[in-house]
PDB file of all heavy atoms in Angstrom:
ATOM      1  N   GLU A   1       0.846  -1.185   0.000  1.00  0.00           N
ATOM      2  CA  GLU A   1       0.000   0.000   0.000  1.00  0.00           C
ATOM      3  C   GLU A   1       0.891   1.248   0.000  1.00  0.00           C
ATOM      4  O   GLU A   1       2.091   1.172   0.234  1.00  0.00           O
ATOM      5  CB  GLU A   1      -0.891   0.005   1.253  1.00  0.00           C
ATOM      6  CG  GLU A   1      -1.832  -1.184   1.355  1.00  0.00           C
ATOM      7  CD  GLU A   1      -3.064  -1.050   0.481  1.00  0.00           C
ATOM      8  OE1 GLU A   1      -3.143  -0.057  -0.289  1.00  0.00           O
ATOM      9  OE2 GLU A   1      -3.948  -1.918   0.560  1.00  0.00           O
ATOM     10  N   HIS A   2       0.291   2.397  -0.244  1.00  0.00           N
ATOM     11  CA  HIS A   2       1.073   3.636  -0.325  1.00  0.00           C
ATOM     12  C   HIS A   2       1.772   3.952   0.995  1.00  0.00           C
ATOM     13  O   HIS A   2       2.769   4.672   1.019  1.00  0.00           O
ATOM     14  CB  HIS A   2       0.167   4.791  -0.746  1.00  0.00           C
ATOM     15  CG  HIS A   2      -0.300   4.707  -2.166  1.00  0.00           C
ATOM     16  ND1 HIS A   2       0.569   4.747  -3.243  1.00  0.00           N
ATOM     17  CD2 HIS A   2      -1.536   4.542  -2.689  1.00  0.00           C
ATOM     18  CE1 HIS A   2      -0.111   4.628  -4.370  1.00  0.00           C
ATOM     19  NE2 HIS A   2      -1.394   4.506  -4.067  1.00  0.00           N
ATOM     20  N   SER A   3       1.272   3.370   2.094  1.00  0.00           N
ATOM     21  CA  SER A   3       1.934   3.570   3.387  1.00  0.00           C
ATOM     22  C   SER A   3       3.310   2.923   3.420  1.00  0.00           C
ATOM     23  O   SER A   3       4.174   3.301   4.208  1.00  0.00           O
ATOM     24  CB  SER A   3       1.076   2.985   4.510  1.00  0.00           C
ATOM     25  OG  SER A   3       0.955   1.572   4.363  1.00  0.00           O
ATOM     26  N   GLY A   4       3.509   1.907   2.558  1.00  0.00           N
ATOM     27  CA  GLY A   4       4.791   1.223   2.492  1.00  0.00           C
ATOM     28  C   GLY A   4       4.976   0.113   3.512  1.00  0.00           C
ATOM     29  O   GLY A   4       6.036  -0.509   3.572  1.00  0.00           O
ATOM     30  N   THR A   5       3.953  -0.137   4.307  1.00  0.00           N
ATOM     31  CA  THR A   5       4.069  -1.183   5.339  1.00  0.00           C
ATOM     32  C   THR A   5       3.200  -2.396   5.023  1.00  0.00           C
ATOM     33  O   THR A   5       3.681  -3.533   5.027  1.00  0.00           O
ATOM     34  CB  THR A   5       3.699  -0.629   6.725  1.00  0.00           C
ATOM     35  OG1 THR A   5       2.403  -0.033   6.662  1.00  0.00           O
ATOM     36  CG2 THR A   5       4.713   0.414   7.171  1.00  0.00           C
ATOM     37  N   ASP A   6       1.929  -2.192   4.745  1.00  0.00           N
ATOM     38  CA  ASP A   6       1.018  -3.311   4.483  1.00  0.00           C
ATOM     39  C   ASP A   6       1.051  -3.703   3.012  1.00  0.00           C
ATOM     40  O   ASP A   6       1.178  -2.845   2.122  1.00  0.00           O
ATOM     41  CB  ASP A   6      -0.420  -2.932   4.865  1.00  0.00           C
ATOM     42  CG  ASP A   6      -0.541  -2.654   6.364  1.00  0.00           C
ATOM     43  OD1 ASP A   6       0.190  -3.295   7.139  1.00  0.00           O
ATOM     44  OD2 ASP A   6      -1.360  -1.795   6.732  1.00  0.00           O
ATOM     45  N   TYR A   7       0.914  -5.001   2.764  1.00  0.00           N
ATOM     46  CA  TYR A   7       0.877  -5.471   1.384  1.00  0.00           C
ATOM     47  C   TYR A   7      -0.451  -5.109   0.726  1.00  0.00           C
ATOM     48  O   TYR A   7      -1.509  -5.133   1.364  1.00  0.00           O
ATOM     49  CB  TYR A   7       1.111  -6.982   1.327  1.00  0.00           C
ATOM     50  CG  TYR A   7       2.559  -7.360   1.544  1.00  0.00           C
ATOM     51  CD1 TYR A   7       2.983  -7.906   2.751  1.00  0.00           C
ATOM     52  CD2 TYR A   7       3.503  -7.138   0.544  1.00  0.00           C
ATOM     53  CE1 TYR A   7       4.318  -8.224   2.959  1.00  0.00           C
ATOM     54  CE2 TYR A   7       4.839  -7.455   0.740  1.00  0.00           C
ATOM     55  CZ  TYR A   7       5.246  -7.990   1.945  1.00  0.00           C
ATOM     56  OH  TYR A   7       6.562  -8.302   2.150  1.00  0.00           O
ATOM     57  N   ASP A   8      -0.377  -4.804  -0.564  1.00  0.00           N
ATOM     58  CA  ASP A   8      -1.560  -4.455  -1.354  1.00  0.00           C
ATOM     59  C   ASP A   8      -2.210  -5.749  -1.826  1.00  0.00           C
ATOM     60  O   ASP A   8      -1.842  -6.294  -2.865  1.00  0.00           O
ATOM     61  CB  ASP A   8      -1.153  -3.576  -2.544  1.00  0.00           C
ATOM     62  CG  ASP A   8      -2.328  -3.254  -3.443  1.00  0.00           C
ATOM     63  OD1 ASP A   8      -3.456  -3.180  -2.924  1.00  0.00           O
ATOM     64  OD2 ASP A   8      -2.114  -3.085  -4.658  1.00  0.00           O
ATOM     65  N   LEU A   9      -3.147  -6.242  -1.063  1.00  0.00           N
ATOM     66  CA  LEU A   9      -3.773  -7.532  -1.352  1.00  0.00           C
ATOM     67  C   LEU A   9      -4.906  -7.358  -2.358  1.00  0.00           C
ATOM     68  O   LEU A   9      -5.777  -6.507  -2.186  1.00  0.00           O
ATOM     69  CB  LEU A   9      -4.307  -8.161  -0.066  1.00  0.00           C
ATOM     70  CG  LEU A   9      -3.273  -8.400   1.039  1.00  0.00           C
ATOM     71  CD1 LEU A   9      -3.954  -8.938   2.289  1.00  0.00           C
ATOM     72  CD2 LEU A   9      -2.193  -9.367   0.570  1.00  0.00           C
ATOM     73  N   ALA A  10      -4.896  -8.195  -3.406  1.00  0.00           N
ATOM     74  CA  ALA A  10      -5.939  -8.144  -4.426  1.00  0.00           C
ATOM     75  C   ALA A  10      -6.967  -9.241  -4.174  1.00  0.00           C
ATOM     76  O   ALA A  10      -6.753 -10.166  -3.382  1.00  0.00           O
ATOM     77  CB  ALA A  10      -5.323  -8.307  -5.813  1.00  0.00           C
ATOM     78  N   LYS A  11      -8.091  -9.111  -4.851  1.00  0.00           N
ATOM     79  CA  LYS A  11      -9.151 -10.113  -4.771  1.00  0.00           C
ATOM     80  C   LYS A  11      -9.454 -10.594  -6.177  1.00  0.00           C
ATOM     81  O   LYS A  11      -9.616  -9.790  -7.092  1.00  0.00           O
ATOM     82  CB  LYS A  11     -10.402  -9.502  -4.131  1.00  0.00           C
ATOM     83  CG  LYS A  11     -11.552 -10.478  -3.928  1.00  0.00           C
ATOM     84  CD  LYS A  11     -12.735  -9.771  -3.257  1.00  0.00           C
ATOM     85  CE  LYS A  11     -13.890 -10.714  -3.021  1.00  0.00           C
ATOM     86  NZ  LYS A  11     -15.055 -10.019  -2.406  1.00  0.00           N
ATOM     87  N   GLU A  12      -9.540 -11.907  -6.356  1.00  0.00           N
ATOM     88  CA  GLU A  12      -9.794 -12.473  -7.670  1.00  0.00           C
ATOM     89  C   GLU A  12     -11.030 -13.362  -7.623  1.00  0.00           C
ATOM     90  O   GLU A  12     -11.564 -13.670  -6.553  1.00  0.00           O
ATOM     91  CB  GLU A  12      -8.573 -13.264  -8.166  1.00  0.00           C
ATOM     92  CG  GLU A  12      -7.345 -12.387  -8.355  1.00  0.00           C
ATOM     93  CD  GLU A  12      -6.143 -13.143  -8.894  1.00  0.00           C
ATOM     94  OE1 GLU A  12      -6.199 -14.391  -8.931  1.00  0.00           O
ATOM     95  OE2 GLU A  12      -5.169 -12.499  -9.272  1.00  0.00           O
ATOM     96  N   GLY A  13     -11.471 -13.778  -8.810  1.00  0.00           N
ATOM     97  CA  GLY A  13     -12.675 -14.585  -8.931  1.00  0.00           C
ATOM     98  C   GLY A  13     -12.647 -15.829  -8.063  1.00  0.00           C
ATOM     99  O   GLY A  13     -11.683 -16.584  -8.081  1.00  0.00           O
ATOM    100  N   GLY A  14     -13.727 -16.056  -7.312  1.00  0.00           N
ATOM    101  CA  GLY A  14     -13.837 -17.228  -6.460  1.00  0.00           C
ATOM    102  C   GLY A  14     -13.329 -17.023  -5.048  1.00  0.00           C
ATOM    103  O   GLY A  14     -13.584 -17.859  -4.174  1.00  0.00           O
ATOM    104  N   HIS A  15     -12.613 -15.930  -4.790  1.00  0.00           N
ATOM    105  CA  HIS A  15     -12.090 -15.643  -3.454  1.00  0.00           C
ATOM    106  C   HIS A  15     -13.095 -14.790  -2.677  1.00  0.00           C
ATOM    107  O   HIS A  15     -13.690 -13.863  -3.230  1.00  0.00           O
ATOM    108  CB  HIS A  15     -10.753 -14.907  -3.534  1.00  0.00           C
ATOM    109  CG  HIS A  15      -9.617 -15.766  -3.968  1.00  0.00           C
ATOM    110  ND1 HIS A  15      -8.868 -16.522  -3.093  1.00  0.00           N
ATOM    111  CD2 HIS A  15      -9.098 -16.005  -5.204  1.00  0.00           C
ATOM    112  CE1 HIS A  15      -7.937 -17.181  -3.767  1.00  0.00           C
ATOM    113  NE2 HIS A  15      -8.056 -16.882  -5.044  1.00  0.00           N
ATOM    114  N   SER A  16     -13.241 -15.099  -1.399  1.00  0.00           N
ATOM    115  CA  SER A  16     -14.175 -14.351  -0.555  1.00  0.00           C
ATOM    116  C   SER A  16     -13.498 -13.194   0.170  1.00  0.00           C
ATOM    117  O   SER A  16     -14.153 -12.465   0.904  1.00  0.00           O
ATOM    118  CB  SER A  16     -14.813 -15.288   0.477  1.00  0.00           C
ATOM    119  OG  SER A  16     -13.822 -15.879   1.300  1.00  0.00           O
ATOM    120  N   ASP A  17     -12.191 -13.042  -0.033  1.00  0.00           N
ATOM    121  CA  ASP A  17     -11.484 -11.961   0.662  1.00  0.00           C
ATOM    122  C   ASP A  17     -10.291 -11.509  -0.171  1.00  0.00           C
ATOM    123  O   ASP A  17      -9.910 -12.153  -1.164  1.00  0.00           O
ATOM    124  CB  ASP A  17     -11.006 -12.436   2.045  1.00  0.00           C
ATOM    125  CG  ASP A  17     -11.049 -11.321   3.081  1.00  0.00           C
ATOM    126  OD1 ASP A  17     -10.717 -10.168   2.719  1.00  0.00           O
ATOM    127  OD2 ASP A  17     -11.420 -11.589   4.228  1.00  0.00           O
ATOM    128  N   PHE A  18      -9.700 -10.410   0.240  1.00  0.00           N
ATOM    129  CA  PHE A  18      -8.496  -9.891  -0.416  1.00  0.00           C
ATOM    130  C   PHE A  18      -7.290 -10.645   0.144  1.00  0.00           C
ATOM    131  O   PHE A  18      -6.913 -10.452   1.296  1.00  0.00           O
ATOM    132  CB  PHE A  18      -8.366  -8.391  -0.157  1.00  0.00           C
ATOM    133  CG  PHE A  18      -9.403  -7.570  -0.863  1.00  0.00           C
ATOM    134  CD1 PHE A  18     -10.682  -7.431  -0.336  1.00  0.00           C
ATOM    135  CD2 PHE A  18      -9.111  -6.960  -2.066  1.00  0.00           C
ATOM    136  CE1 PHE A  18     -11.649  -6.673  -0.986  1.00  0.00           C
ATOM    137  CE2 PHE A  18     -10.068  -6.196  -2.730  1.00  0.00           C
ATOM    138  CZ  PHE A  18     -11.336  -6.061  -2.195  1.00  0.00           C
ATOM    139  N   ARG A  19      -6.681 -11.520  -0.695  1.00  0.00           N
ATOM    140  CA  ARG A  19      -5.557 -12.329  -0.202  1.00  0.00           C
ATOM    141  C   ARG A  19      -4.508 -12.627  -1.283  1.00  0.00           C
ATOM    142  O   ARG A  19      -3.666 -13.507  -1.105  1.00  0.00           O
ATOM    143  CB  ARG A  19      -6.079 -13.648   0.379  1.00  0.00           C
ATOM    144  CG  ARG A  19      -6.793 -14.576  -0.594  1.00  0.00           C
ATOM    145  CD  ARG A  19      -7.038 -15.945   0.034  1.00  0.00           C
ATOM    146  NE  ARG A  19      -8.035 -15.896   1.069  1.00  0.00           N
ATOM    147  CZ  ARG A  19      -9.320 -16.288   0.907  1.00  0.00           C
ATOM    148  NH1 ARG A  19      -9.715 -16.756  -0.267  1.00  0.00           N
ATOM    149  NH2 ARG A  19     -10.177 -16.217   1.891  1.00  0.00           N
ATOM    150  N   ILE A  20      -4.539 -11.895  -2.384  1.00  0.00           N
ATOM    151  CA  ILE A  20      -3.592 -12.166  -3.467  1.00  0.00           C
ATOM    152  C   ILE A  20      -2.409 -11.211  -3.361  1.00  0.00           C
ATOM    153  O   ILE A  20      -2.544 -10.003  -3.574  1.00  0.00           O
ATOM    154  CB  ILE A  20      -4.247 -12.011  -4.855  1.00  0.00           C
ATOM    155  CG1 ILE A  20      -5.607 -12.703  -4.906  1.00  0.00           C
ATOM    156  CG2 ILE A  20      -3.298 -12.534  -5.931  1.00  0.00           C
ATOM    157  CD1 ILE A  20      -5.579 -14.178  -4.646  1.00  0.00           C
ATOM    158  N   LEU A  21      -1.244 -11.753  -3.014  1.00  0.00           N
ATOM    159  CA  LEU A  21      -0.021 -10.953  -3.061  1.00  0.00           C
ATOM    160  C   LEU A  21       0.469 -10.911  -4.498  1.00  0.00           C
ATOM    161  O   LEU A  21       0.450 -11.926  -5.201  1.00  0.00           O
ATOM    162  CB  LEU A  21       1.055 -11.545  -2.155  1.00  0.00           C
ATOM    163  CG  LEU A  21       0.800 -11.442  -0.652  1.00  0.00           C
ATOM    164  CD1 LEU A  21       0.244 -12.762  -0.133  1.00  0.00           C
ATOM    165  CD2 LEU A  21       2.064 -11.085   0.083  1.00  0.00           C
ATOM    166  N   HIS A  22       0.923  -9.764  -4.935  1.00  0.00           N
ATOM    167  CA  HIS A  22       1.285  -9.609  -6.340  1.00  0.00           C
ATOM    168  C   HIS A  22       2.401  -8.581  -6.478  1.00  0.00           C
ATOM    169  O   HIS A  22       2.647  -7.763  -5.577  1.00  0.00           O
ATOM    170  CB  HIS A  22       0.070  -9.162  -7.159  1.00  0.00           C
ATOM    171  CG  HIS A  22      -0.556  -7.898  -6.641  1.00  0.00           C
ATOM    172  ND1 HIS A  22      -0.166  -6.644  -7.049  1.00  0.00           N
ATOM    173  CD2 HIS A  22      -1.538  -7.704  -5.706  1.00  0.00           C
ATOM    174  CE1 HIS A  22      -0.873  -5.729  -6.412  1.00  0.00           C
ATOM    175  NE2 HIS A  22      -1.711  -6.335  -5.579  1.00  0.00           N
ATOM    176  N   PHE A  23       3.057  -8.640  -7.620  1.00  0.00           N
ATOM    177  CA  PHE A  23       4.021  -7.604  -7.989  1.00  0.00           C
ATOM    178  C   PHE A  23       3.612  -7.097  -9.359  1.00  0.00           C
ATOM    179  O   PHE A  23       3.820  -7.772 -10.374  1.00  0.00           O
ATOM    180  CB  PHE A  23       5.452  -8.156  -8.024  1.00  0.00           C
ATOM    181  CG  PHE A  23       6.482  -7.112  -8.381  1.00  0.00           C
ATOM    182  CD1 PHE A  23       6.857  -6.140  -7.470  1.00  0.00           C
ATOM    183  CD2 PHE A  23       7.060  -7.098  -9.640  1.00  0.00           C
ATOM    184  CE1 PHE A  23       7.790  -5.160  -7.802  1.00  0.00           C
ATOM    185  CE2 PHE A  23       8.003  -6.131  -9.985  1.00  0.00           C
ATOM    186  CZ  PHE A  23       8.367  -5.162  -9.066  1.00  0.00           C
ATOM    187  N   LYS A  24       2.975  -5.909  -9.364  1.00  0.00           N
ATOM    188  CA  LYS A  24       2.411  -5.348 -10.596  1.00  0.00           C
ATOM    189  C   LYS A  24       1.552  -6.429 -11.252  1.00  0.00           C
ATOM    190  O   LYS A  24       0.723  -7.047 -10.607  1.00  0.00           O
ATOM    191  CB  LYS A  24       3.529  -4.851 -11.532  1.00  0.00           C
ATOM    192  CG  LYS A  24       4.527  -3.922 -10.866  1.00  0.00           C
ATOM    193  CD  LYS A  24       3.881  -2.686 -10.289  1.00  0.00           C
ATOM    194  CE  LYS A  24       4.904  -1.768  -9.632  1.00  0.00           C
ATOM    195  NZ  LYS A  24       4.251  -0.655  -8.930  1.00  0.00           N
ATOM    196  N   ASP A  25       1.788  -6.683 -12.552  1.00  0.00           N
ATOM    197  CA  ASP A  25       1.111  -7.780 -13.230  1.00  0.00           C
ATOM    198  C   ASP A  25       2.138  -8.772 -13.790  1.00  0.00           C
ATOM    199  O   ASP A  25       1.925  -9.433 -14.800  1.00  0.00           O
ATOM    200  CB  ASP A  25       0.203  -7.276 -14.353  1.00  0.00           C
ATOM    201  CG  ASP A  25       0.908  -6.297 -15.296  1.00  0.00           C
ATOM    202  OD1 ASP A  25       2.110  -6.038 -15.093  1.00  0.00           O
ATOM    203  OD2 ASP A  25       0.257  -5.789 -16.227  1.00  0.00           O
ATOM    204  N   ILE A  26       3.269  -8.870 -13.079  1.00  0.00           N
ATOM    205  CA  ILE A  26       4.323  -9.818 -13.475  1.00  0.00           C
ATOM    206  C   ILE A  26       4.818 -10.568 -12.231  1.00  0.00           C
ATOM    207  O   ILE A  26       6.020 -10.742 -12.028  1.00  0.00           O
ATOM    208  CB  ILE A  26       5.496  -9.107 -14.186  1.00  0.00           C
ATOM    209  CG1 ILE A  26       6.010  -7.928 -13.338  1.00  0.00           C
ATOM    210  CG2 ILE A  26       5.105  -8.673 -15.578  1.00  0.00           C
ATOM    211  CD1 ILE A  26       7.322  -7.346 -13.848  1.00  0.00           C
ATOM    212  N   THR A  27       3.882 -11.032 -11.426  1.00  0.00           N
ATOM    213  CA  THR A  27       4.247 -11.686 -10.167  1.00  0.00           C
ATOM    214  C   THR A  27       5.130 -12.901 -10.390  1.00  0.00           C
ATOM    215  O   THR A  27       6.137 -13.093  -9.697  1.00  0.00           O
ATOM    216  CB  THR A  27       2.977 -12.103  -9.403  1.00  0.00           C
ATOM    217  OG1 THR A  27       2.112 -10.969  -9.287  1.00  0.00           O
ATOM    218  CG2 THR A  27       3.318 -12.629  -8.023  1.00  0.00           C
ATOM    219  N   GLY A  28       4.747 -13.741 -11.345  1.00  0.00           N
ATOM    220  CA  GLY A  28       5.532 -14.948 -11.601  1.00  0.00           C
ATOM    221  C   GLY A  28       6.954 -14.636 -12.011  1.00  0.00           C
ATOM    222  O   GLY A  28       7.906 -15.278 -11.553  1.00  0.00           O
TER     223      GLY A  28
END
């Protein structure tokens, strides 16, 4: 997140919560 401390968690299809750690759109 912009605070620089918490991770920016995303939410994707089928997930009930925000739990996707990512790096831009090139995580792999």
